[in-house]
């Protein structure tokens, strides 16, 4: 989902990927999933600031 108002943009995204190498208790090849909320402020057609809030799902 994306919503914009003037120079502010909010994005909600979902991501999934397979690990190429082990990470913590996860082995290589395990799938990781996450949800993100990203907030951008634009100035003169360019991103002037960005904040991310990440939530990685437990496996």
PDB file of N, CA and C in Angstrom:
ATOM      1  N   UNK A   1       0.847  -1.183   0.000  1.00  0.00           N
ATOM      2  CA  UNK A   1       0.000   0.000   0.000  1.00  0.00           C
ATOM      3  C   UNK A   1       0.885   1.235   0.000  1.00  0.00           C
ATOM      4  N   UNK A   2       0.447   2.241  -0.726  1.00  0.00           N
ATOM      5  CA  UNK A   2       1.160   3.525  -0.765  1.00  0.00           C
ATOM      6  C   UNK A   2       0.122   4.636  -0.658  1.00  0.00           C
ATOM      7  N   UNK A   3       0.439   5.635   0.159  1.00  0.00           N
ATOM      8  CA  UNK A   3      -0.411   6.820   0.252  1.00  0.00           C
ATOM      9  C   UNK A   3       0.512   8.037   0.288  1.00  0.00           C
ATOM     10  N   UNK A   4       0.103   9.097  -0.406  1.00  0.00           N
ATOM     11  CA  UNK A   4       0.927  10.301  -0.462  1.00  0.00           C
ATOM     12  C   UNK A   4       0.058  11.528  -0.226  1.00  0.00           C
ATOM     13  N   UNK A   5       0.659  12.532   0.404  1.00  0.00           N
ATOM     14  CA  UNK A   5      -0.004  13.802   0.654  1.00  0.00           C
ATOM     15  C   UNK A   5       1.066  14.877   0.639  1.00  0.00           C
ATOM     16  N   UNK A   6       0.980  15.777  -0.309  1.00  0.00           N
ATOM     17  CA  UNK A   6       2.000  16.816  -0.482  1.00  0.00           C
ATOM     18  C   UNK A   6       3.375  16.170  -0.612  1.00  0.00           C
ATOM     19  N   UNK A   7       4.287  16.464   0.309  1.00  0.00           N
ATOM     20  CA  UNK A   7       5.657  15.948   0.245  1.00  0.00           C
ATOM     21  C   UNK A   7       5.865  14.721   1.114  1.00  0.00           C
ATOM     22  N   UNK A   8       4.800  14.118   1.625  1.00  0.00           N
ATOM     23  CA  UNK A   8       4.909  12.956   2.506  1.00  0.00           C
ATOM     24  C   UNK A   8       4.353  11.714   1.814  1.00  0.00           C
ATOM     25  N   UNK A   9       5.080  10.601   1.949  1.00  0.00           N
ATOM     26  CA  UNK A   9       4.664   9.330   1.355  1.00  0.00           C
ATOM     27  C   UNK A   9       4.797   8.242   2.415  1.00  0.00           C
ATOM     28  N   UNK A  10       3.778   7.392   2.533  1.00  0.00           N
ATOM     29  CA  UNK A  10       3.819   6.247   3.449  1.00  0.00           C
ATOM     30  C   UNK A  10       3.666   4.978   2.615  1.00  0.00           C
ATOM     31  N   UNK A  11       4.497   3.974   2.922  1.00  0.00           N
ATOM     32  CA  UNK A  11       4.486   2.708   2.188  1.00  0.00           C
ATOM     33  C   UNK A  11       4.397   1.558   3.179  1.00  0.00           C
ATOM     34  N   UNK A  12       3.503   0.606   2.913  1.00  0.00           N
ATOM     35  CA  UNK A  12       3.460  -0.645   3.670  1.00  0.00           C
ATOM     36  C   UNK A  12       3.889  -1.736   2.701  1.00  0.00           C
ATOM     37  N   UNK A  13       4.888  -2.533   3.089  1.00  0.00           N
ATOM     38  CA  UNK A  13       5.410  -3.565   2.188  1.00  0.00           C
ATOM     39  C   UNK A  13       5.610  -4.873   2.933  1.00  0.00           C
ATOM     40  N   UNK A  14       5.491  -5.958   2.195  1.00  0.00           N
ATOM     41  CA  UNK A  14       5.759  -7.296   2.726  1.00  0.00           C
ATOM     42  C   UNK A  14       6.885  -7.895   1.904  1.00  0.00           C
ATOM     43  N   UNK A  15       7.770  -8.635   2.553  1.00  0.00           N
ATOM     44  CA  UNK A  15       8.964  -9.167   1.914  1.00  0.00           C
ATOM     45  C   UNK A  15       9.177 -10.596   2.367  1.00  0.00           C
ATOM     46  N   UNK A  16       9.706 -11.414   1.469  1.00  0.00           N
ATOM     47  CA  UNK A  16      10.102 -12.781   1.808  1.00  0.00           C
ATOM     48  C   UNK A  16      11.334 -13.124   0.984  1.00  0.00           C
ATOM     49  N   UNK A  17      12.239 -13.878   1.586  1.00  0.00           N
ATOM     50  CA  UNK A  17      13.440 -14.295   0.875  1.00  0.00           C
ATOM     51  C   UNK A  17      14.070 -15.501   1.540  1.00  0.00           C
ATOM     52  N   UNK A  18      14.875 -16.217   0.765  1.00  0.00           N
ATOM     53  CA  UNK A  18      15.587 -17.380   1.306  1.00  0.00           C
ATOM     54  C   UNK A  18      16.997 -16.966   1.687  1.00  0.00           C
ATOM     55  N   UNK A  19      17.438 -17.450   2.850  1.00  0.00           N
ATOM     56  CA  UNK A  19      18.773 -17.122   3.338  1.00  0.00           C
ATOM     57  C   UNK A  19      19.840 -17.842   2.515  1.00  0.00           C
ATOM     58  N   UNK A  20      20.860 -17.118   2.117  1.00  0.00           N
ATOM     59  CA  UNK A  20      21.993 -17.712   1.404  1.00  0.00           C
ATOM     60  C   UNK A  20      22.983 -18.311   2.398  1.00  0.00           C
ATOM     61  N   UNK A  21      22.996 -17.769   3.607  1.00  0.00           N
ATOM     62  CA  UNK A  21      23.912 -18.236   4.659  1.00  0.00           C
ATOM     63  C   UNK A  21      23.115 -18.387   5.951  1.00  0.00           C
ATOM     64  N   UNK A  22      23.593 -19.153   6.912  1.00  0.00           N
ATOM     65  CA  UNK A  22      22.885 -19.271   8.193  1.00  0.00           C
ATOM     66  C   UNK A  22      22.796 -17.915   8.901  1.00  0.00           C
ATOM     67  N   UNK A  23      21.723 -17.724   9.655  1.00  0.00           N
ATOM     68  CA  UNK A  23      21.547 -16.496  10.429  1.00  0.00           C
ATOM     69  C   UNK A  23      20.893 -16.865  11.746  1.00  0.00           C
ATOM     70  N   UNK A  24      21.608 -16.692  12.834  1.00  0.00           N
ATOM     71  CA  UNK A  24      21.081 -17.062  14.148  1.00  0.00           C
ATOM     72  C   UNK A  24      20.726 -18.534  14.182  1.00  0.00           C
ATOM     73  N   UNK A  25      19.474 -18.826  14.514  1.00  0.00           N
ATOM     74  CA  UNK A  25      19.039 -20.233  14.582  1.00  0.00           C
ATOM     75  C   UNK A  25      18.526 -20.741  13.238  1.00  0.00           C
ATOM     76  N   UNK A  26      18.511 -19.886  12.219  1.00  0.00           N
ATOM     77  CA  UNK A  26      18.019 -20.282  10.896  1.00  0.00           C
ATOM     78  C   UNK A  26      19.162 -20.804  10.034  1.00  0.00           C
ATOM     79  N   UNK A  27      18.902 -21.866   9.312  1.00  0.00           N
ATOM     80  CA  UNK A  27      19.931 -22.433   8.440  1.00  0.00           C
ATOM     81  C   UNK A  27      19.832 -21.807   7.048  1.00  0.00           C
ATOM     82  N   UNK A  28      20.904 -21.941   6.275  1.00  0.00           N
ATOM     83  CA  UNK A  28      20.895 -21.473   4.889  1.00  0.00           C
ATOM     84  C   UNK A  28      19.743 -22.163   4.165  1.00  0.00           C
ATOM     85  N   UNK A  29      19.015 -21.430   3.339  1.00  0.00           N
ATOM     86  CA  UNK A  29      17.869 -21.974   2.623  1.00  0.00           C
ATOM     87  C   UNK A  29      16.544 -21.737   3.330  1.00  0.00           C
ATOM     88  N   UNK A  30      16.582 -21.366   4.619  1.00  0.00           N
ATOM     89  CA  UNK A  30      15.343 -21.071   5.357  1.00  0.00           C
ATOM     90  C   UNK A  30      14.727 -19.786   4.800  1.00  0.00           C
ATOM     91  N   UNK A  31      13.412 -19.691   4.881  1.00  0.00           N
ATOM     92  CA  UNK A  31      12.727 -18.497   4.407  1.00  0.00           C
ATOM     93  C   UNK A  31      12.524 -17.514   5.548  1.00  0.00           C
ATOM     94  N   UNK A  32      12.805 -16.239   5.271  1.00  0.00           N
ATOM     95  CA  UNK A  32      12.514 -15.156   6.215  1.00  0.00           C
ATOM     96  C   UNK A  32      11.386 -14.330   5.625  1.00  0.00           C
ATOM     97  N   UNK A  33      10.505 -13.833   6.498  1.00  0.00           N
ATOM     98  CA  UNK A  33       9.416 -12.954   6.071  1.00  0.00           C
ATOM     99  C   UNK A  33       9.414 -11.722   6.961  1.00  0.00           C
ATOM    100  N   UNK A  34       9.014 -10.602   6.380  1.00  0.00           N
ATOM    101  CA  UNK A  34       8.977  -9.366   7.149  1.00  0.00           C
ATOM    102  C   UNK A  34       7.904  -8.436   6.590  1.00  0.00           C
ATOM    103  N   UNK A  35       7.468  -7.530   7.442  1.00  0.00           N
ATOM    104  CA  UNK A  35       6.569  -6.447   7.039  1.00  0.00           C
ATOM    105  C   UNK A  35       7.273  -5.138   7.379  1.00  0.00           C
ATOM    106  N   UNK A  36       7.088  -4.151   6.538  1.00  0.00           N
ATOM    107  CA  UNK A  36       7.754  -2.869   6.725  1.00  0.00           C
ATOM    108  C   UNK A  36       6.755  -1.735   6.583  1.00  0.00           C
ATOM    109  N   UNK A  37       6.958  -0.693   7.359  1.00  0.00           N
ATOM    110  CA  UNK A  37       6.271   0.582   7.153  1.00  0.00           C
ATOM    111  C   UNK A  37       7.387   1.593   6.917  1.00  0.00           C
ATOM    112  N   UNK A  38       7.315   2.298   5.797  1.00  0.00           N
ATOM    113  CA  UNK A  38       8.353   3.267   5.444  1.00  0.00           C
ATOM    114  C   UNK A  38       7.698   4.624   5.214  1.00  0.00           C
ATOM    115  N   UNK A  39       8.316   5.644   5.746  1.00  0.00           N
ATOM    116  CA  UNK A  39       7.782   6.995   5.637  1.00  0.00           C
ATOM    117  C   UNK A  39       8.844   7.890   5.014  1.00  0.00           C
ATOM    118  N   UNK A  40       8.467   8.547   3.918  1.00  0.00           N
ATOM    119  CA  UNK A  40       9.395   9.399   3.180  1.00  0.00           C
ATOM    120  C   UNK A  40       8.906  10.836   3.206  1.00  0.00           C
ATOM    121  N   UNK A  41       9.843  11.759   3.248  1.00  0.00           N
ATOM    122  CA  UNK A  41       9.544  13.175   3.044  1.00  0.00           C
ATOM    123  C   UNK A  41      10.362  13.593   1.826  1.00  0.00           C
ATOM    124  N   UNK A  42       9.710  14.262   0.897  1.00  0.00           N
ATOM    125  CA  UNK A  42      10.380  14.680  -0.334  1.00  0.00           C
ATOM    126  C   UNK A  42      10.524  16.195  -0.358  1.00  0.00           C
ATOM    127  N   UNK A  43      11.594  16.629  -0.996  1.00  0.00           N
ATOM    128  CA  UNK A  43      11.844  18.055  -1.167  1.00  0.00           C
ATOM    129  C   UNK A  43      12.470  18.245  -2.546  1.00  0.00           C
ATOM    130  N   UNK A  44      11.897  19.103  -3.343  1.00  0.00           N
ATOM    131  CA  UNK A  44      12.390  19.397  -4.696  1.00  0.00           C
ATOM    132  C   UNK A  44      12.542  18.125  -5.532  1.00  0.00           C
ATOM    133  N   UNK A  45      11.568  17.210  -5.415  1.00  0.00           N
ATOM    134  CA  UNK A  45      11.562  16.001  -6.223  1.00  0.00           C
ATOM    135  C   UNK A  45      12.495  14.894  -5.767  1.00  0.00           C
ATOM    136  N   UNK A  46      13.127  15.065  -4.608  1.00  0.00           N
ATOM    137  CA  UNK A  46      14.051  14.047  -4.089  1.00  0.00           C
ATOM    138  C   UNK A  46      13.670  13.684  -2.660  1.00  0.00           C
ATOM    139  N   UNK A  47      14.024  12.476  -2.244  1.00  0.00           N
ATOM    140  CA  UNK A  47      13.758  12.051  -0.868  1.00  0.00           C
ATOM    141  C   UNK A  47      14.692  12.812   0.060  1.00  0.00           C
ATOM    142  N   UNK A  48      14.125  13.534   1.022  1.00  0.00           N
ATOM    143  CA  UNK A  48      14.955  14.293   1.963  1.00  0.00           C
ATOM    144  C   UNK A  48      15.088  13.578   3.306  1.00  0.00           C
ATOM    145  N   UNK A  49      14.134  12.680   3.621  1.00  0.00           N
ATOM    146  CA  UNK A  49      14.270  11.869   4.836  1.00  0.00           C
ATOM    147  C   UNK A  49      13.468  10.587   4.672  1.00  0.00           C
ATOM    148  N   UNK A  50      13.901   9.567   5.412  1.00  0.00           N
ATOM    149  CA  UNK A  50      13.229   8.265   5.366  1.00  0.00           C
ATOM    150  C   UNK A  50      13.295   7.634   6.743  1.00  0.00           C
ATOM    151  N   UNK A  51      12.155   7.077   7.192  1.00  0.00           N
ATOM    152  CA  UNK A  51      12.100   6.309   8.444  1.00  0.00           C
ATOM    153  C   UNK A  51      11.515   4.951   8.120  1.00  0.00           C
ATOM    154  N   UNK A  52      12.114   3.900   8.656  1.00  0.00           N
ATOM    155  CA  UNK A  52      11.642   2.529   8.437  1.00  0.00           C
ATOM    156  C   UNK A  52      11.288   1.893   9.768  1.00  0.00           C
ATOM    157  N   UNK A  53      10.215   1.121   9.765  1.00  0.00           N
ATOM    158  CA  UNK A  53       9.825   0.325  10.922  1.00  0.00           C
ATOM    159  C   UNK A  53       9.655  -1.105  10.415  1.00  0.00           C
ATOM    160  N   UNK A  54      10.544  -1.996  10.851  1.00  0.00           N
ATOM    161  CA  UNK A  54      10.608  -3.364  10.348  1.00  0.00           C
ATOM    162  C   UNK A  54      10.064  -4.347  11.372  1.00  0.00           C
ATOM    163  N   UNK A  55       9.377  -5.364  10.886  1.00  0.00           N
ATOM    164  CA  UNK A  55       8.872  -6.431  11.741  1.00  0.00           C
ATOM    165  C   UNK A  55       9.173  -7.761  11.057  1.00  0.00           C
ATOM    166  N   UNK A  56      10.175  -8.475  11.561  1.00  0.00           N
ATOM    167  CA  UNK A  56      10.532  -9.778  11.004  1.00  0.00           C
ATOM    168  C   UNK A  56       9.729 -10.843  11.733  1.00  0.00           C
ATOM    169  N   UNK A  57       9.031 -11.674  10.967  1.00  0.00           N
ATOM    170  CA  UNK A  57       8.198 -12.726  11.550  1.00  0.00           C
ATOM    171  C   UNK A  57       9.063 -13.841  12.113  1.00  0.00           C
ATOM    172  N   UNK A  58       8.617 -14.452  13.208  1.00  0.00           N
ATOM    173  CA  UNK A  58       9.323 -15.606  13.767  1.00  0.00           C
ATOM    174  C   UNK A  58       9.079 -16.808  12.870  1.00  0.00           C
ATOM    175  N   UNK A  59      10.023 -17.687  12.916  1.00  0.00           N
ATOM    176  CA  UNK A  59       9.908 -18.892  12.085  1.00  0.00           C
ATOM    177  C   UNK A  59       9.493 -20.048  12.959  1.00  0.00           C
TER     178      UNK A  59
END
